[in-house]
Amino acid sequence: MNFQQLRIIRETVRCNFNLTEVAQTLFTSQSGVSKHIKDLEDELGITLFVRRGKRLLGLTDPGRELIEIVERLLLDANNIKQLAEQFSNSEEGSLTIATTHTQARYILPPIVSEFKKLYPKVHLAIHQSRPTEIVQALQSGQADIGIATEALGDTHNLATFPFYNWNHAVVVPEGHELAKAPYLTLEQLASYPIITYYEGMTGRHHIDEAFNEAGLKPDIVISALDSDVIKTYVELGLGVGILASMSFNPQRDTGLVLLNASTLFKSNTTQIAVRHGHYLRGYAYRFIELCSARLTEKVVRETLAIAIEG
């Protein structure tokens, strides 16, 4: 048994049992992949994959149990490397943040700027992704830290920390009838075409929930992945926008008016997440603390330790 065999087992599952993709991912041949799998099965004396001819269709019962062990072994192998680098060169390395467009565009810039001043030799990568993709990146080890409003708190092997709370707001063109109203109601909003976020993005479930509870069916004419798209189509007069309030900048978003809707929709909490068992370099803890001063390295470490003990 060797690490290459374990990597092949893991990548086979990640690539949905497509050995051609496994070979490409690991820069080896498909025949080599097949041989490593067969050699490991022979050594262990068990069949790991369900087969139809030469095709792999899924994991057997022992294969499903083995993959959990393989994930832990490879995670710890990477942790050993990270540990060595932390003590041999604490000011250099890489840090990958997986986050949504809203966070990357409107919240993280000053944090990233400050982090780069503190750690100029750390390569910082920000992967803009959907919440479900952020979870996958954390679980696979492709990202060190995830930041999003959805999905993170629903995953058992992630430790999550509250980052900040925010509310939705309504955006309309200057001179719009809603801008003249003394206060907003859901009934008023539902009478106009609505432009807002795609399902599963940026608190969309709270928007849907509010209309459903009021017995209203809004005409959502455009669902977007980010706030800039929402504002663009509101400017064109295609509808009324519902977006994250922090994505509006009066100096930049001229021609538009932001209307407070904090009483119409429930507030949202953006979270920071790391995977249990994933070794974080010192500068990763510092990045989290830059996001929220209360999330010191001590607090994060203690939370992770409690989760492990539990």
Protein backbone atom coordinates (compact mmCIF):
# COMPACT_ATOMS: atom_id res chain seq x y z
CA MET A 1 0.00 0.00 0.00
CA ASN A 2 1.33 3.46 -0.87
CA PHE A 3 0.12 7.05 -1.05
CA GLN A 4 -0.25 6.98 -4.82
CA GLN A 5 -2.75 4.14 -4.53
CA LEU A 6 -4.67 6.08 -1.89
CA ARG A 7 -4.70 9.22 -4.05
CA ILE A 8 -6.05 7.17 -6.95
CA ILE A 9 -8.85 5.74 -4.79
CA ARG A 10 -9.81 9.23 -3.63
CA GLU A 11 -9.69 10.77 -7.11
CA THR A 12 -11.68 7.90 -8.57
CA VAL A 13 -14.56 8.82 -6.28
CA ARG A 14 -14.13 12.54 -6.92
CA CYS A 15 -14.11 12.00 -10.69
CA ASN A 16 -17.31 9.96 -10.51
CA PHE A 17 -15.42 6.73 -11.32
CA ASN A 18 -14.13 8.03 -14.67
CA LEU A 19 -10.61 6.61 -14.86
CA THR A 20 -9.68 8.81 -17.80
CA GLU A 21 -10.30 11.89 -15.66
CA VAL A 22 -8.43 10.30 -12.74
CA ALA A 23 -5.39 9.74 -14.96
CA GLN A 24 -5.50 13.33 -16.21
CA THR A 25 -5.85 14.73 -12.71
CA LEU A 26 -2.90 12.74 -11.36
CA PHE A 27 -0.77 13.07 -14.52
CA THR A 28 -0.50 9.37 -15.11
CA SER A 29 -1.88 6.78 -17.53
CA GLN A 30 -5.29 5.13 -17.35
CA SER A 31 -3.67 1.71 -17.42
CA GLY A 32 -1.51 2.75 -14.48
CA VAL A 33 -4.59 3.85 -12.56
CA SER A 34 -6.30 0.53 -13.20
CA LYS A 35 -3.22 -1.41 -12.11
CA HIS A 36 -2.89 0.55 -8.86
CA ILE A 37 -6.53 -0.13 -8.02
CA LYS A 38 -6.19 -3.85 -8.79
CA ASP A 39 -2.93 -4.12 -6.81
CA LEU A 40 -4.52 -2.52 -3.75
CA GLU A 41 -7.59 -4.75 -3.95
CA ASP A 42 -5.35 -7.82 -4.23
CA GLU A 43 -3.25 -6.68 -1.26
CA LEU A 44 -6.30 -6.04 0.91
CA GLY A 45 -8.20 -9.08 -0.30
CA ILE A 46 -11.41 -7.10 -0.90
CA THR A 47 -13.21 -5.57 -3.87
CA LEU A 48 -13.47 -1.81 -3.55
CA PHE A 49 -15.50 -0.94 -6.65
CA VAL A 50 -18.67 -2.20 -8.28
CA ARG A 51 -17.84 -3.08 -11.89
CA ARG A 52 -19.58 -3.69 -15.17
CA GLY A 53 -16.93 -5.11 -17.43
CA LYS A 54 -14.01 -2.68 -17.22
CA ARG A 55 -16.20 0.21 -16.08
CA LEU A 56 -16.39 1.27 -12.45
CA LEU A 57 -19.93 2.06 -11.34
CA GLY A 58 -19.52 2.84 -7.64
CA LEU A 59 -18.12 1.74 -4.31
CA THR A 60 -18.76 -1.57 -2.60
CA ASP A 61 -19.59 -1.64 1.12
CA PRO A 62 -15.92 -2.06 2.13
CA GLY A 63 -15.02 0.59 -0.45
CA ARG A 64 -17.35 3.11 1.18
CA GLU A 65 -15.75 2.53 4.56
CA LEU A 66 -12.25 2.61 3.11
CA ILE A 67 -12.73 5.97 1.36
CA GLU A 68 -13.39 7.66 4.71
CA ILE A 69 -10.09 6.32 6.05
CA VAL A 70 -8.28 7.29 2.85
CA GLU A 71 -9.58 10.87 3.13
CA ARG A 72 -8.30 11.10 6.72
CA LEU A 73 -4.89 9.65 5.85
CA LEU A 74 -4.32 11.99 2.92
CA LEU A 75 -5.58 14.95 4.94
CA ASP A 76 -3.11 14.17 7.72
CA ALA A 77 -0.29 13.64 5.22
CA ASN A 78 -0.92 17.14 3.91
CA ASN A 79 -1.18 18.43 7.48
CA ILE A 80 2.31 17.11 8.18
CA LYS A 81 3.66 19.11 5.24
CA GLN A 82 1.83 22.22 6.40
CA LEU A 83 3.15 21.76 9.94
CA ALA A 84 6.73 21.50 8.69
CA GLU A 85 6.34 24.62 6.54
CA GLN A 86 4.79 26.53 9.44
CA PHE A 87 7.86 25.99 11.60
CA SER A 88 10.45 26.25 8.82
CA ASN A 89 9.03 29.32 7.09
CA SER A 90 6.04 30.88 8.80
CA GLU A 91 5.90 33.99 6.58
CA GLU A 92 5.62 32.23 3.23
CA GLY A 93 3.19 29.79 1.69
CA SER A 94 -0.27 29.85 0.17
CA LEU A 95 -3.78 30.48 1.42
CA THR A 96 -6.93 29.70 -0.56
CA ILE A 97 -10.23 31.38 0.24
CA ALA A 98 -13.43 30.09 -1.37
CA THR A 99 -16.23 32.62 -1.25
CA THR A 100 -19.19 34.09 -3.11
CA HIS A 101 -19.19 37.11 -5.40
CA THR A 102 -20.89 39.31 -2.80
CA GLN A 103 -18.21 38.64 -0.17
CA ALA A 104 -15.31 38.86 -2.61
CA ARG A 105 -16.57 42.07 -4.18
CA TYR A 106 -17.95 44.06 -1.26
CA ILE A 107 -16.60 42.71 2.04
CA LEU A 108 -13.17 41.16 1.59
CA PRO A 109 -11.16 43.84 -0.30
CA PRO A 110 -10.03 45.81 2.80
CA ILE A 111 -9.33 42.56 4.65
CA VAL A 112 -7.26 41.20 1.77
CA SER A 113 -5.38 44.49 1.51
CA GLU A 114 -4.46 44.41 5.20
CA PHE A 115 -3.51 40.72 5.02
CA LYS A 116 -1.13 41.33 2.09
CA LYS A 117 0.58 44.10 4.05
CA LEU A 118 1.19 41.67 6.90
CA TYR A 119 2.15 38.69 4.72
CA PRO A 120 3.49 39.94 1.39
CA LYS A 121 5.13 36.59 0.60
CA VAL A 122 1.97 34.52 1.07
CA HIS A 123 0.23 33.65 -2.19
CA LEU A 124 -3.43 34.44 -1.59
CA ALA A 125 -5.97 32.86 -3.95
CA ILE A 126 -9.64 33.81 -3.86
CA HIS A 127 -11.95 31.38 -5.62
CA GLN A 128 -15.35 32.86 -6.40
CA SER A 129 -17.88 30.04 -6.11
CA ARG A 130 -21.43 29.10 -5.26
CA PRO A 131 -22.06 28.03 -1.64
CA THR A 132 -22.30 24.33 -2.52
CA GLU A 133 -19.03 24.59 -4.44
CA ILE A 134 -17.41 26.25 -1.43
CA VAL A 135 -18.41 23.27 0.72
CA GLN A 136 -16.90 20.89 -1.84
CA ALA A 137 -13.67 22.92 -1.97
CA LEU A 138 -13.33 22.80 1.83
CA GLN A 139 -14.08 19.09 2.01
CA SER A 140 -11.61 18.24 -0.74
CA GLY A 141 -8.85 20.39 0.75
CA GLN A 142 -8.79 22.73 -2.26
CA ALA A 143 -9.68 25.66 0.00
CA ASP A 144 -8.43 26.51 3.48
CA ILE A 145 -11.22 28.90 4.44
CA GLY A 146 -14.77 29.26 3.14
CA ILE A 147 -16.94 32.35 3.48
CA ALA A 148 -20.63 32.35 2.55
CA THR A 149 -24.13 32.87 3.90
CA GLU A 150 -25.60 29.54 2.76
CA ALA A 151 -24.65 25.84 3.03
CA LEU A 152 -21.66 26.04 5.40
CA GLY A 153 -23.60 25.54 8.62
CA ASP A 154 -25.40 22.48 7.26
CA THR A 155 -22.24 20.39 6.76
CA HIS A 156 -21.17 18.07 9.57
CA ASN A 157 -17.39 18.12 9.02
CA LEU A 158 -17.07 21.90 8.87
CA ALA A 159 -16.54 24.21 11.83
CA THR A 160 -18.39 27.49 11.28
CA PHE A 161 -18.02 30.89 12.90
CA PRO A 162 -20.34 33.91 12.54
CA PHE A 163 -18.71 36.67 10.49
CA TYR A 164 -21.33 39.45 10.33
CA ASN A 165 -25.09 40.03 9.99
CA TRP A 166 -26.69 41.83 7.08
CA ASN A 167 -30.07 42.63 5.56
CA HIS A 168 -31.62 42.75 2.14
CA ALA A 169 -32.63 46.08 0.63
CA VAL A 170 -34.64 47.18 -2.37
CA VAL A 171 -33.06 49.11 -5.22
CA VAL A 172 -35.02 51.14 -7.78
CA PRO A 173 -34.23 53.77 -10.41
CA GLU A 174 -34.35 57.39 -9.31
CA GLY A 175 -37.88 58.75 -9.52
CA HIS A 176 -39.51 55.33 -9.13
CA GLU A 177 -42.89 55.22 -7.39
CA LEU A 178 -41.55 53.08 -4.54
CA ALA A 179 -38.92 55.71 -3.75
CA LYS A 180 -41.76 58.13 -2.97
CA ALA A 181 -43.66 55.73 -0.68
CA PRO A 182 -43.49 56.53 3.07
CA TYR A 183 -42.66 52.88 3.79
CA LEU A 184 -42.35 49.60 1.89
CA THR A 185 -44.65 46.59 2.03
CA LEU A 186 -44.37 43.14 0.48
CA GLU A 187 -47.64 43.80 -1.34
CA GLN A 188 -46.12 46.84 -3.01
CA LEU A 189 -43.04 44.88 -4.07
CA ALA A 190 -45.11 41.99 -5.41
CA SER A 191 -46.91 44.35 -7.77
CA TYR A 192 -43.69 44.94 -9.74
CA PRO A 193 -41.39 42.57 -11.69
CA ILE A 194 -38.59 41.55 -9.34
CA ILE A 195 -34.89 41.03 -10.01
CA THR A 196 -33.00 39.21 -7.29
CA TYR A 197 -30.57 36.40 -6.53
CA TYR A 198 -30.60 32.88 -7.89
CA GLU A 199 -32.01 30.24 -5.55
CA GLY A 200 -29.48 29.17 -2.92
CA MET A 201 -27.53 32.42 -3.20
CA THR A 202 -27.15 35.45 -0.92
CA GLY A 203 -30.12 34.90 1.37
CA ARG A 204 -32.62 34.12 -1.39
CA HIS A 205 -34.44 31.66 0.89
CA HIS A 206 -35.36 34.51 3.25
CA ILE A 207 -36.83 36.45 0.35
CA ASP A 208 -38.92 33.49 -0.78
CA GLU A 209 -39.95 32.76 2.79
CA ALA A 210 -41.23 36.29 3.38
CA PHE A 211 -43.43 36.29 0.28
CA ASN A 212 -44.71 32.77 0.97
CA GLU A 213 -45.70 33.63 4.53
CA ALA A 214 -47.56 36.69 3.23
CA GLY A 215 -49.41 34.53 0.69
CA LEU A 216 -47.83 36.40 -2.22
CA LYS A 217 -46.35 35.10 -5.46
CA PRO A 218 -43.81 37.63 -6.75
CA ASP A 219 -43.00 37.80 -10.44
CA ILE A 220 -39.25 37.15 -10.37
CA VAL A 221 -38.28 37.98 -13.93
CA ILE A 222 -34.49 37.65 -13.54
CA SER A 223 -32.47 35.54 -11.09
CA ALA A 224 -28.81 36.56 -10.91
CA LEU A 225 -25.69 35.19 -9.26
CA ASP A 226 -24.39 38.58 -8.16
CA SER A 227 -25.51 42.06 -7.16
CA ASP A 228 -23.90 43.86 -10.09
CA VAL A 229 -26.14 42.00 -12.52
CA ILE A 230 -29.21 42.87 -10.44
CA LYS A 231 -28.31 46.57 -10.45
CA THR A 232 -27.60 46.55 -14.18
CA TYR A 233 -31.07 45.28 -15.06
CA VAL A 234 -32.76 47.58 -12.55
CA GLU A 235 -31.01 50.48 -14.31
CA LEU A 236 -32.52 49.25 -17.57
CA GLY A 237 -35.97 49.49 -16.02
CA LEU A 238 -36.72 45.77 -16.15
CA GLY A 239 -37.84 45.51 -12.56
CA VAL A 240 -37.31 46.26 -8.87
CA GLY A 241 -34.16 44.80 -7.33
CA ILE A 242 -33.80 42.97 -4.02
CA LEU A 243 -30.16 42.64 -3.04
CA ALA A 244 -27.69 42.62 -0.16
CA SER A 245 -27.63 46.12 1.31
CA MET A 246 -23.80 46.22 1.50
CA SER A 247 -23.55 45.80 -2.27
CA PHE A 248 -24.92 49.30 -2.87
CA ASN A 249 -22.59 52.29 -3.08
CA PRO A 250 -24.26 55.70 -3.57
CA GLN A 251 -21.14 57.17 -5.17
CA ARG A 252 -20.79 54.33 -7.65
CA ASP A 253 -24.41 53.34 -8.18
CA THR A 254 -25.64 56.69 -9.44
CA GLY A 255 -29.09 56.71 -10.93
CA LEU A 256 -30.32 54.17 -8.38
CA VAL A 257 -31.94 54.55 -4.97
CA LEU A 258 -31.57 52.11 -2.06
CA LEU A 259 -34.69 51.51 0.05
CA ASN A 260 -34.56 49.98 3.52
CA ALA A 261 -36.28 46.58 3.65
CA SER A 262 -34.94 45.29 6.96
CA THR A 263 -38.46 44.92 8.36
CA LEU A 264 -39.64 42.86 5.38
CA PHE A 265 -37.03 40.11 5.26
CA LYS A 266 -35.20 38.21 8.01
CA SER A 267 -31.59 39.16 8.62
CA ASN A 268 -28.79 36.95 7.31
CA THR A 269 -25.53 35.77 8.85
CA THR A 270 -22.44 35.26 6.74
CA GLN A 271 -20.21 32.53 8.14
CA ILE A 272 -16.56 31.58 8.03
CA ALA A 273 -15.84 27.86 7.80
CA VAL A 274 -12.86 25.52 7.99
CA ARG A 275 -12.79 21.78 7.72
CA HIS A 276 -12.30 19.73 10.88
CA GLY A 277 -8.86 18.17 10.86
CA HIS A 278 -7.45 20.55 8.24
CA TYR A 279 -4.18 22.08 9.48
CA LEU A 280 -4.22 25.87 9.32
CA ARG A 281 -1.01 27.87 9.03
CA GLY A 282 -0.53 30.80 11.41
CA TYR A 283 -1.38 33.31 8.70
CA ALA A 284 -4.71 31.54 8.07
CA TYR A 285 -5.72 32.19 11.67
CA ARG A 286 -4.62 35.80 11.20
CA PHE A 287 -6.83 36.15 8.12
CA ILE A 288 -9.83 34.93 10.11
CA GLU A 289 -9.05 37.40 12.88
CA LEU A 290 -8.87 40.22 10.34
CA CYS A 291 -12.39 39.26 9.31
CA SER A 292 -13.64 39.40 12.89
CA ALA A 293 -11.55 40.57 15.83
CA ARG A 294 -13.37 38.22 18.21
CA LEU A 295 -12.25 35.19 16.19
CA THR A 296 -8.73 35.01 17.55
CA GLU A 297 -6.48 32.02 16.93
CA LYS A 298 -7.19 30.88 20.49
CA VAL A 299 -10.97 30.99 19.97
CA VAL A 300 -10.81 29.15 16.64
CA ARG A 301 -8.41 26.51 17.97
CA GLU A 302 -10.57 25.91 21.03
CA THR A 303 -13.68 25.49 18.89
CA LEU A 304 -11.93 23.00 16.63
CA ALA A 305 -10.58 21.10 19.65
CA ILE A 306 -14.05 20.85 21.22
CA ALA A 307 -15.43 19.49 17.95
CA ILE A 308 -12.70 16.84 17.80
CA GLU A 309 -13.29 15.80 21.41
CA GLY A 310 -17.04 15.65 20.79
